[in-house]
N, C-alpha and C. Protein backbone atom coordinates (compact mmCIF):
# COMPACT_ATOMS: atom_id res chain seq x y z
N UNK A 1 0.76 -1.36 -0.16
CA UNK A 1 -0.02 -0.10 -0.05
C UNK A 1 0.62 1.17 0.23
N UNK A 2 1.83 1.32 0.92
CA UNK A 2 2.64 2.53 1.06
C UNK A 2 3.27 2.69 -0.13
N UNK A 3 3.96 1.51 -0.78
CA UNK A 3 4.70 1.42 -2.02
C UNK A 3 3.85 2.22 -3.32
N UNK A 4 2.63 1.88 -3.34
CA UNK A 4 1.58 2.47 -4.35
C UNK A 4 1.50 4.30 -4.00
N UNK A 5 1.49 4.39 -2.80
CA UNK A 5 1.43 5.81 -2.77
C UNK A 5 2.65 6.80 -2.91
N UNK A 6 3.79 6.05 -2.48
CA UNK A 6 5.09 6.74 -2.94
C UNK A 6 5.50 6.57 -4.22
N UNK A 7 4.95 5.45 -5.21
CA UNK A 7 4.91 5.84 -6.41
C UNK A 7 4.32 6.74 -7.29
N UNK A 8 2.92 6.64 -6.63
CA UNK A 8 2.06 7.91 -7.12
C UNK A 8 2.52 9.34 -7.06
N UNK A 9 3.13 9.54 -5.62
CA UNK A 9 3.61 10.83 -5.51
C UNK A 9 4.90 11.08 -5.97
N UNK A 10 5.79 10.11 -6.42
CA UNK A 10 6.88 10.14 -6.97
C UNK A 10 7.27 10.50 -8.41
N UNK A 11 6.19 10.12 -9.20
CA UNK A 11 6.23 10.43 -10.60
C UNK A 11 6.07 11.75 -10.89
N UNK A 12 6.65 12.10 -12.26
CA UNK A 12 6.28 13.70 -12.60
C UNK A 12 5.21 13.60 -13.04
N UNK A 13 4.43 14.76 -13.34
CA UNK A 13 3.06 14.78 -14.07
C UNK A 13 3.55 15.00 -15.66
N UNK A 14 2.50 14.34 -16.50
CA UNK A 14 3.01 14.69 -18.08
C UNK A 14 2.73 16.13 -18.12
N UNK A 15 3.62 16.81 -18.90
CA UNK A 15 3.29 18.45 -19.30
C UNK A 15 2.18 18.29 -20.14
N UNK A 16 1.25 19.20 -19.84
CA UNK A 16 0.14 19.53 -20.57
C UNK A 16 0.45 20.55 -22.28
N UNK A 17 0.37 19.66 -23.11
CA UNK A 17 0.67 20.50 -24.44
C UNK A 17 -0.39 21.18 -24.65
N UNK A 18 -0.06 22.36 -25.19
CA UNK A 18 -1.03 23.23 -25.74
C UNK A 18 -1.81 22.88 -26.80
N UNK A 19 -3.11 23.03 -27.13
CA UNK A 19 -3.66 22.44 -28.54
C UNK A 19 -3.22 23.04 -29.51
N UNK A 20 -3.31 22.53 -30.69
CA UNK A 20 -3.08 23.13 -31.80
C UNK A 20 -3.79 24.33 -32.13
N UNK A 21 -3.27 25.23 -32.82
CA UNK A 21 -3.87 26.40 -32.98
C UNK A 21 -3.72 26.76 -34.60
N UNK A 22 -4.85 27.08 -35.15
CA UNK A 22 -4.44 27.48 -36.78
C UNK A 22 -5.29 28.72 -36.69
N UNK A 23 -5.23 29.12 -37.89
CA UNK A 23 -5.99 30.48 -38.38
C UNK A 23 -7.16 29.48 -39.07
N UNK A 24 -8.30 30.35 -39.46
CA UNK A 24 -9.58 29.46 -40.07
C UNK A 24 -9.11 29.31 -41.35
N UNK A 25 -8.25 30.04 -42.25
CA UNK A 25 -7.89 29.48 -43.60
C UNK A 25 -7.00 28.26 -43.32
N UNK A 26 -6.02 28.18 -42.14
CA UNK A 26 -5.17 27.02 -42.30
C UNK A 26 -6.30 25.61 -41.94
N UNK A 27 -6.67 25.91 -41.20
CA UNK A 27 -7.92 24.99 -40.63
C UNK A 27 -8.92 24.41 -42.07
N UNK A 28 -9.09 25.45 -42.56
CA UNK A 28 -10.03 25.14 -44.25
C UNK A 28 -9.16 24.36 -45.13
N UNK A 29 -7.76 24.46 -45.08
CA UNK A 29 -7.02 24.09 -46.00
C UNK A 29 -6.47 22.53 -45.28
N UNK A 30 -6.56 22.39 -44.07
CA UNK A 30 -6.43 20.86 -43.26
C UNK A 30 -7.32 20.18 -43.99
N UNK A 31 -8.79 20.69 -43.78
CA UNK A 31 -9.93 19.85 -44.37
C UNK A 31 -10.01 19.51 -45.64
N UNK A 32 -9.45 20.60 -46.81
CA UNK A 32 -9.48 20.43 -48.27
C UNK A 32 -8.13 19.26 -48.63
N UNK A 33 -7.04 19.45 -47.74
CA UNK A 33 -5.98 18.67 -47.87
C UNK A 33 -6.51 17.12 -47.54
N UNK A 34 -7.00 16.92 -46.51
CA UNK A 34 -7.51 15.62 -46.17
C UNK A 34 -8.43 15.07 -47.05
N UNK A 35 -9.32 15.90 -47.58
CA UNK A 35 -10.15 15.44 -48.58
C UNK A 35 -9.47 14.97 -49.97
N UNK A 36 -8.64 15.84 -50.59
CA UNK A 36 -7.56 15.50 -51.58
C UNK A 36 -6.97 14.04 -51.30
N UNK A 37 -6.54 13.93 -49.98
CA UNK A 37 -5.85 12.70 -49.65
C UNK A 37 -7.09 11.43 -49.76
N UNK A 38 -8.22 11.90 -49.44
CA UNK A 38 -9.35 10.65 -49.74
C UNK A 38 -9.19 10.40 -50.97
N UNK A 39 -9.24 11.21 -52.22
CA UNK A 39 -9.18 11.10 -53.27
C UNK A 39 -8.01 10.33 -53.96
N UNK A 40 -6.74 10.50 -53.37
CA UNK A 40 -5.59 9.73 -53.62
C UNK A 40 -5.83 8.41 -53.34
N UNK A 41 -6.51 8.17 -51.95
CA UNK A 41 -6.28 6.70 -51.66
C UNK A 41 -7.20 6.13 -52.26
N UNK A 42 -8.41 6.78 -52.75
CA UNK A 42 -9.48 5.98 -53.60
C UNK A 42 -8.61 5.64 -55.15
N UNK A 43 -8.12 6.29 -55.58
CA UNK A 43 -7.23 6.13 -56.74
C UNK A 43 -6.14 5.23 -56.70
N UNK A 44 -5.56 5.07 -55.74
CA UNK A 44 -4.61 3.86 -55.37
C UNK A 44 -5.41 2.76 -54.92
N UNK A 45 -6.78 2.71 -55.18
CA UNK A 45 -7.57 1.24 -54.94
C UNK A 45 -7.77 0.94 -53.20
N UNK A 46 -7.63 2.01 -52.34
CA UNK A 46 -7.67 1.91 -50.97
C UNK A 46 -8.85 2.51 -50.59
N UNK A 47 -10.15 1.73 -51.12
CA UNK A 47 -11.41 2.15 -50.53
C UNK A 47 -11.73 2.47 -48.87
N UNK A 48 -11.18 1.27 -48.40
CA UNK A 48 -11.40 1.40 -46.81
C UNK A 48 -10.80 2.40 -46.12
N UNK A 49 -9.49 2.62 -46.66
CA UNK A 49 -8.79 3.75 -45.88
C UNK A 49 -9.16 5.02 -46.18
N UNK A 50 -9.59 5.12 -47.81
CA UNK A 50 -10.41 6.59 -48.25
C UNK A 50 -11.59 6.92 -47.21
N UNK A 51 -12.30 5.84 -47.21
CA UNK A 51 -13.63 5.94 -46.18
C UNK A 51 -13.33 6.65 -44.94
N UNK A 52 -12.40 5.57 -44.11
CA UNK A 52 -12.04 6.13 -42.99
C UNK A 52 -11.55 7.60 -42.97
N UNK A 53 -10.59 7.80 -43.78
CA UNK A 53 -10.11 9.08 -43.54
C UNK A 53 -11.12 10.23 -43.67
N UNK A 54 -12.10 9.85 -45.09
CA UNK A 54 -12.88 10.84 -44.98
C UNK A 54 -13.84 11.13 -43.72
N UNK A 55 -14.60 10.13 -42.83
CA UNK A 55 -14.87 10.27 -41.73
C UNK A 55 -14.17 10.95 -40.72
N UNK A 56 -13.04 11.12 -40.76
CA UNK A 56 -11.90 11.68 -39.79
C UNK A 56 -11.95 12.96 -40.11
N UNK A 57 -11.91 13.25 -41.52
CA UNK A 57 -11.90 14.61 -41.89
C UNK A 57 -12.77 15.35 -41.25
N UNK A 58 -14.25 14.68 -41.34
CA UNK A 58 -15.43 15.52 -41.13
C UNK A 58 -15.43 15.67 -39.49
N UNK A 59 -15.06 14.44 -38.85
CA UNK A 59 -15.26 14.39 -37.32
C UNK A 59 -14.35 15.09 -36.47
N UNK A 60 -12.95 15.10 -37.00
CA UNK A 60 -11.76 15.54 -36.46
C UNK A 60 -11.52 17.02 -36.98
N UNK A 61 -11.86 17.25 -38.09
CA UNK A 61 -11.36 18.79 -38.74
C UNK A 61 -12.66 19.71 -39.05
N UNK A 62 -13.73 19.19 -39.61
CA UNK A 62 -14.72 19.98 -39.98
C UNK A 62 -15.47 20.39 -38.75
N UNK A 63 -16.12 19.23 -38.20
CA UNK A 63 -16.87 19.28 -36.89
C UNK A 63 -16.68 20.21 -35.84
N UNK A 64 -15.32 20.29 -35.26
CA UNK A 64 -15.06 20.98 -33.78
C UNK A 64 -15.12 22.64 -34.08
N UNK A 65 -14.52 23.05 -35.29
CA UNK A 65 -14.38 24.53 -35.50
C UNK A 65 -15.30 25.02 -36.38
N UNK A 66 -15.23 24.44 -37.60
CA UNK A 66 -15.55 25.12 -39.13
C UNK A 66 -17.31 24.94 -38.96
N UNK A 67 -17.66 23.80 -38.37
CA UNK A 67 -19.17 23.58 -38.64
C UNK A 67 -19.78 24.68 -37.40
N UNK A 68 -19.17 25.03 -36.23
CA UNK A 68 -19.70 25.48 -35.54
C UNK A 68 -19.78 27.18 -35.97
N UNK A 69 -18.32 27.48 -36.74
CA UNK A 69 -18.42 28.62 -37.22
C UNK A 69 -19.52 29.25 -38.58
N UNK A 70 -19.66 28.03 -39.39
CA UNK A 70 -20.86 27.73 -40.28
C UNK A 70 -21.95 28.07 -39.81
N UNK A 71 -22.34 27.36 -38.59
CA UNK A 71 -23.76 27.51 -38.05
C UNK A 71 -23.98 28.74 -37.55
N UNK A 72 -22.90 29.38 -37.12
CA UNK A 72 -23.08 30.97 -36.48
C UNK A 72 -23.07 31.88 -37.51
N UNK A 73 -22.63 31.80 -38.70
CA UNK A 73 -22.55 32.64 -39.60
C UNK A 73 -23.84 32.53 -40.78
N UNK A 74 -23.99 31.26 -40.92
CA UNK A 74 -24.78 30.74 -42.29
C UNK A 74 -26.16 29.91 -41.72
N UNK A 75 -26.12 29.63 -40.48
CA UNK A 75 -27.69 29.12 -39.85
C UNK A 75 -27.54 27.80 -40.34
N UNK A 76 -28.76 27.25 -39.94
CA UNK A 76 -28.83 25.80 -39.97
C UNK A 76 -28.75 25.04 -40.98
N UNK A 77 -29.51 26.01 -42.22
CA UNK A 77 -29.85 25.27 -43.23
C UNK A 77 -28.51 25.08 -44.29
N UNK A 78 -27.63 26.07 -44.29
CA UNK A 78 -26.23 26.01 -45.26
C UNK A 78 -25.47 25.12 -44.43
N UNK A 79 -25.38 25.02 -43.09
CA UNK A 79 -24.77 24.12 -42.36
C UNK A 79 -25.05 22.57 -42.92
N UNK A 80 -26.43 22.39 -42.84
CA UNK A 80 -26.92 21.28 -43.11
C UNK A 80 -26.60 20.55 -44.33
N UNK A 81 -26.39 21.71 -45.28
CA UNK A 81 -26.19 21.68 -46.90
C UNK A 81 -24.66 21.06 -46.93
N UNK A 82 -23.77 21.42 -46.06
CA UNK A 82 -22.49 21.23 -46.51
C UNK A 82 -22.44 19.88 -45.58
N UNK A 83 -22.89 19.62 -44.46
CA UNK A 83 -23.05 18.10 -44.00
C UNK A 83 -23.49 16.99 -44.76
N UNK A 84 -24.53 17.52 -45.62
CA UNK A 84 -25.29 16.46 -46.29
C UNK A 84 -24.33 15.99 -47.39
N UNK A 85 -23.43 17.15 -47.89
CA UNK A 85 -22.53 16.91 -48.82
C UNK A 85 -21.56 16.15 -48.62
N UNK A 86 -21.04 15.78 -46.89
CA UNK A 86 -20.11 15.17 -46.53
C UNK A 86 -20.86 13.55 -46.49
N UNK A 87 -22.01 13.68 -46.21
CA UNK A 87 -22.64 12.28 -45.99
C UNK A 87 -22.79 11.84 -47.44
N UNK A 88 -23.11 12.50 -48.61
CA UNK A 88 -22.87 11.86 -49.83
C UNK A 88 -21.50 11.27 -50.23
N UNK A 89 -20.54 12.13 -49.89
CA UNK A 89 -19.27 11.44 -50.17
C UNK A 89 -19.12 10.30 -49.52
N UNK A 90 -19.35 10.27 -47.98
CA UNK A 90 -19.21 8.90 -47.38
C UNK A 90 -20.06 7.84 -47.97
N UNK A 91 -21.21 8.21 -48.35
CA UNK A 91 -21.77 7.16 -49.28
C UNK A 91 -21.34 6.66 -50.35
N UNK A 92 -20.70 7.56 -51.40
CA UNK A 92 -20.34 7.40 -52.65
C UNK A 92 -19.01 6.47 -52.25
N UNK A 93 -18.17 6.61 -51.12
CA UNK A 93 -17.08 5.62 -50.84
C UNK A 93 -17.36 4.33 -50.50
N UNK A 94 -18.53 4.14 -49.95
CA UNK A 94 -19.02 2.81 -49.81
C UNK A 94 -19.32 2.10 -51.05
N UNK A 95 -19.77 2.76 -52.16
CA UNK A 95 -19.93 1.94 -53.22
C UNK A 95 -18.84 2.06 -54.18
N UNK A 96 -19.12 2.44 -55.48
CA UNK A 96 -17.98 2.51 -56.48
C UNK A 96 -18.38 3.57 -57.45
N UNK A 97 -18.15 4.88 -56.95
CA UNK A 97 -18.34 5.95 -57.90
C UNK A 97 -17.30 6.00 -59.15
N UNK A 98 -17.67 6.68 -60.05
CA UNK A 98 -16.70 7.07 -60.81
C UNK A 98 -15.85 8.08 -60.53
N UNK A 99 -14.65 8.15 -61.33
CA UNK A 99 -13.54 9.08 -60.92
C UNK A 99 -13.88 10.43 -61.16
N UNK A 100 -14.91 10.70 -61.99
CA UNK A 100 -15.13 12.26 -62.14
C UNK A 100 -16.29 12.70 -61.09
N UNK A 101 -17.07 11.77 -60.85
CA UNK A 101 -18.33 12.22 -60.00
C UNK A 101 -17.63 12.04 -58.52
N UNK A 102 -16.63 11.59 -58.02
CA UNK A 102 -15.75 11.41 -56.66
C UNK A 102 -14.97 12.95 -56.69
N UNK A 103 -14.47 13.04 -57.96
CA UNK A 103 -13.55 14.25 -58.16
C UNK A 103 -14.32 15.76 -57.89
N UNK A 104 -15.46 15.64 -58.45
CA UNK A 104 -16.36 16.70 -58.48
C UNK A 104 -16.94 16.99 -56.88
N UNK A 105 -17.61 15.72 -56.47
CA UNK A 105 -18.24 15.96 -55.19
C UNK A 105 -16.88 16.33 -53.89
N UNK A 106 -15.65 15.99 -54.16
CA UNK A 106 -14.43 16.70 -53.36
C UNK A 106 -14.38 17.96 -53.50
N UNK A 107 -14.21 18.40 -54.95
CA UNK A 107 -13.98 19.73 -55.49
C UNK A 107 -14.91 20.79 -54.81
N UNK A 108 -16.45 20.36 -54.58
CA UNK A 108 -17.44 21.12 -54.37
C UNK A 108 -17.37 21.41 -52.98
N UNK A 109 -16.85 20.16 -52.10
CA UNK A 109 -16.91 20.33 -50.67
C UNK A 109 -15.78 21.00 -50.63
N UNK A 110 -14.78 21.09 -51.14
CA UNK A 110 -13.46 21.98 -50.66
C UNK A 110 -13.77 23.28 -50.96
N UNK A 111 -14.73 23.82 -51.88
CA UNK A 111 -14.68 25.13 -51.95
C UNK A 111 -15.72 25.56 -51.23
N UNK A 112 -16.56 24.78 -50.58
CA UNK A 112 -17.67 25.17 -49.63
C UNK A 112 -16.96 25.35 -48.28
N UNK A 113 -16.12 24.50 -47.99
CA UNK A 113 -15.13 24.57 -47.06
C UNK A 113 -14.47 25.78 -46.95
N UNK A 114 -13.99 26.10 -48.14
CA UNK A 114 -12.85 27.27 -48.29
C UNK A 114 -13.48 28.49 -47.88
N UNK A 115 -14.76 28.34 -48.34
CA UNK A 115 -15.83 30.00 -48.40
C UNK A 115 -15.84 29.90 -46.83
N UNK A 116 -16.53 28.95 -46.28
CA UNK A 116 -16.60 28.97 -44.70
C UNK A 116 -15.54 29.62 -43.86
N UNK A 117 -14.12 28.92 -44.17
CA UNK A 117 -12.97 29.27 -43.76
C UNK A 117 -12.67 30.88 -43.82
N UNK A 118 -12.76 31.20 -45.23
CA UNK A 118 -12.39 32.81 -45.52
C UNK A 118 -13.41 33.57 -44.82
N UNK A 119 -15.08 33.21 -44.55
CA UNK A 119 -15.75 34.19 -44.01
C UNK A 119 -15.40 34.11 -42.41
N UNK A 120 -15.25 33.14 -41.85
CA UNK A 120 -14.87 32.95 -40.65
C UNK A 120 -13.75 33.77 -40.11
N UNK A 121 -12.92 33.80 -41.15
CA UNK A 121 -11.69 34.84 -40.56
C UNK A 121 -12.05 35.99 -40.32
N UNK A 122 -12.83 36.56 -41.31
CA UNK A 122 -13.11 38.03 -41.17
C UNK A 122 -14.36 38.10 -39.92
N UNK A 123 -15.17 37.14 -39.56
CA UNK A 123 -16.07 37.21 -38.62
C UNK A 123 -15.61 36.97 -37.38
N UNK A 124 -14.74 35.98 -37.18
CA UNK A 124 -14.40 35.81 -35.81
C UNK A 124 -12.61 35.94 -35.98
N UNK A 125 -12.46 37.03 -35.92
CA UNK A 125 -10.90 36.96 -35.95
C UNK A 125 -10.12 36.79 -34.44
N UNK A 126 -9.24 36.30 -34.47
CA UNK A 126 -8.39 35.84 -33.38
C UNK A 126 -8.16 36.62 -32.46
N UNK A 127 -8.02 36.34 -31.15
CA UNK A 127 -8.05 37.39 -30.26
C UNK A 127 -6.66 37.91 -30.25
N UNK A 128 -6.64 39.24 -29.96
CA UNK A 128 -5.49 39.94 -30.23
C UNK A 128 -4.92 40.06 -31.63
N UNK A 129 -5.67 39.58 -32.56
CA UNK A 129 -4.97 40.05 -33.99
C UNK A 129 -5.35 41.54 -34.10
N UNK A 130 -4.42 41.80 -34.72
CA UNK A 130 -4.65 43.31 -35.30
C UNK A 130 -5.40 43.54 -36.40
N UNK A 131 -6.02 44.82 -36.41
CA UNK A 131 -7.38 44.72 -37.45
C UNK A 131 -6.37 45.03 -38.81
N UNK A 132 -7.04 44.37 -39.68
CA UNK A 132 -6.38 44.23 -41.36
C UNK A 132 -6.31 45.69 -41.92
N UNK A 133 -7.27 46.60 -41.48
CA UNK A 133 -7.26 48.14 -41.92
C UNK A 133 -6.91 48.85 -40.69
N UNK A 134 -6.26 50.28 -41.13
CA UNK A 134 -6.20 51.02 -40.09
C UNK A 134 -7.04 51.43 -40.06
N UNK A 135 -7.35 52.43 -38.64
CA UNK A 135 -8.54 53.28 -38.06
C UNK A 135 -9.00 54.08 -39.24
N UNK A 136 -9.95 54.70 -39.17
CA UNK A 136 -10.27 55.73 -40.08
C UNK A 136 -9.62 57.36 -39.74
N UNK A 137 -9.29 57.92 -40.63
CA UNK A 137 -8.77 59.34 -40.24
C UNK A 137 -9.76 60.15 -39.68
N UNK A 138 -9.29 60.76 -38.67
CA UNK A 138 -10.26 62.12 -38.02
C UNK A 138 -10.66 63.09 -38.99
N UNK A 139 -11.87 63.35 -39.09
CA UNK A 139 -12.60 63.97 -40.21
C UNK A 139 -12.41 65.42 -39.70
N UNK A 140 -12.68 66.38 -40.38
CA UNK A 140 -12.58 67.86 -40.22
C UNK A 140 -13.53 68.27 -39.09
N UNK A 141 -13.26 69.18 -38.38
CA UNK A 141 -13.66 69.37 -36.94
C UNK A 141 -13.91 68.63 -36.00
N UNK A 142 -12.67 67.26 -35.99
CA UNK A 142 -12.61 66.69 -34.92
C UNK A 142 -11.76 67.39 -34.28
N UNK A 143 -11.59 67.04 -32.85
CA UNK A 143 -10.76 67.16 -31.99
C UNK A 143 -10.50 66.47 -30.45
N UNK A 144 -9.41 66.49 -30.15
CA UNK A 144 -9.21 65.45 -29.12
C UNK A 144 -10.11 65.79 -27.84
N UNK A 145 -10.46 64.94 -26.97
CA UNK A 145 -11.24 65.30 -25.70
C UNK A 145 -10.23 65.31 -24.83
N UNK A 146 -9.91 66.66 -24.39
CA UNK A 146 -9.09 66.93 -23.22
C UNK A 146 -9.89 67.94 -22.51
N UNK A 147 -9.73 67.81 -21.20
CA UNK A 147 -10.71 68.82 -20.29
C UNK A 147 -9.81 69.99 -20.22
N UNK A 148 -10.73 71.04 -20.04
CA UNK A 148 -10.14 72.02 -19.72
C UNK A 148 -9.76 72.74 -18.31
N UNK A 149 -9.65 71.79 -17.51
CA UNK A 149 -9.39 71.84 -16.25
C UNK A 149 -7.89 72.07 -15.98
N UNK A 150 -7.61 72.73 -14.96
CA UNK A 150 -6.47 73.11 -14.58
C UNK A 150 -5.73 71.95 -13.52
N UNK A 151 -4.97 71.28 -13.65
CA UNK A 151 -4.53 70.26 -12.64
C UNK A 151 -4.06 70.71 -11.15
N UNK A 152 -4.36 69.79 -10.50
CA UNK A 152 -4.34 70.26 -9.01
C UNK A 152 -2.93 70.90 -8.63
N UNK A 153 -1.74 70.14 -8.96
CA UNK A 153 -0.65 70.59 -8.73
C UNK A 153 -0.36 72.16 -9.23
N UNK A 154 -0.67 72.29 -10.39
CA UNK A 154 -0.68 74.00 -10.89
C UNK A 154 -1.61 74.57 -10.14
N UNK A 155 -2.70 74.20 -9.58
CA UNK A 155 -3.71 75.52 -9.27
C UNK A 155 -3.52 75.51 -7.48
N UNK A 156 -2.75 74.42 -6.84
CA UNK A 156 -2.31 74.64 -5.39
C UNK A 156 -1.08 75.23 -5.06
N UNK A 157 -0.28 75.60 -6.24
CA UNK A 157 1.14 76.20 -5.91
C UNK A 157 0.95 77.51 -6.04
N UNK A 158 1.52 78.21 -5.09
CA UNK A 158 1.36 79.54 -4.62
C UNK A 158 2.54 80.27 -4.92
N UNK A 159 2.45 81.03 -5.75
CA UNK A 159 4.23 82.08 -6.29
C UNK A 159 4.78 82.16 -5.16
N UNK A 160 6.01 82.03 -5.26
CA UNK A 160 6.77 82.63 -4.14
C UNK A 160 7.27 84.17 -4.43
N UNK A 161 6.98 85.10 -3.28
CA UNK A 161 7.26 86.43 -3.15
C UNK A 161 8.69 86.61 -2.78
N UNK A 162 9.30 87.52 -3.48
CA UNK A 162 10.81 87.76 -3.10
C UNK A 162 10.77 88.60 -2.15
N UNK A 163 11.49 88.95 -0.77
CA UNK A 163 11.47 89.76 0.00
C UNK A 163 12.11 91.01 -0.42
N UNK A 164 11.22 92.11 -0.36
CA UNK A 164 11.80 93.63 -0.78
C UNK A 164 12.70 94.03 0.32
N UNK A 165 13.77 94.65 0.02
CA UNK A 165 14.48 95.02 0.77
C UNK A 165 15.67 94.33 0.73
N UNK A 166 15.91 93.38 0.49
CA UNK A 166 17.59 92.71 0.50
C UNK A 166 18.25 93.61 -0.50
């Protein structure tokens, strides 16, 4: 018993790694690169690997970030349309789609994902990111807001009078 307690206290904790962070465009490119790899696997006559990768692209890349952004920006209907297209891709991969049909489906999905990623970049910028455009110049008649009050240190100081007669 004491040995187990000693061992539990004596081991160093595994350091927590920061989660992978990407820009919206990079996240979109990861999805489209995964879809292109699905096509490559299919062309190499590895249908099971292609289907498994397509599922992972959907569940591990599209769903966590881009789907939520799409839902917030475009609503349920557009999000469901893209998810339906992922479902059609998975359905096609269970069968024997033509090369042209599979390439068209992947290209359409890639275009939709890139559009969502591009829109999300402008709609949901990362925290702390600088704006892409400088602030607008002040127009004519603009002036800084500075109070016209004399500061206390200037108001409370009494002038020193020189002694007469010296």
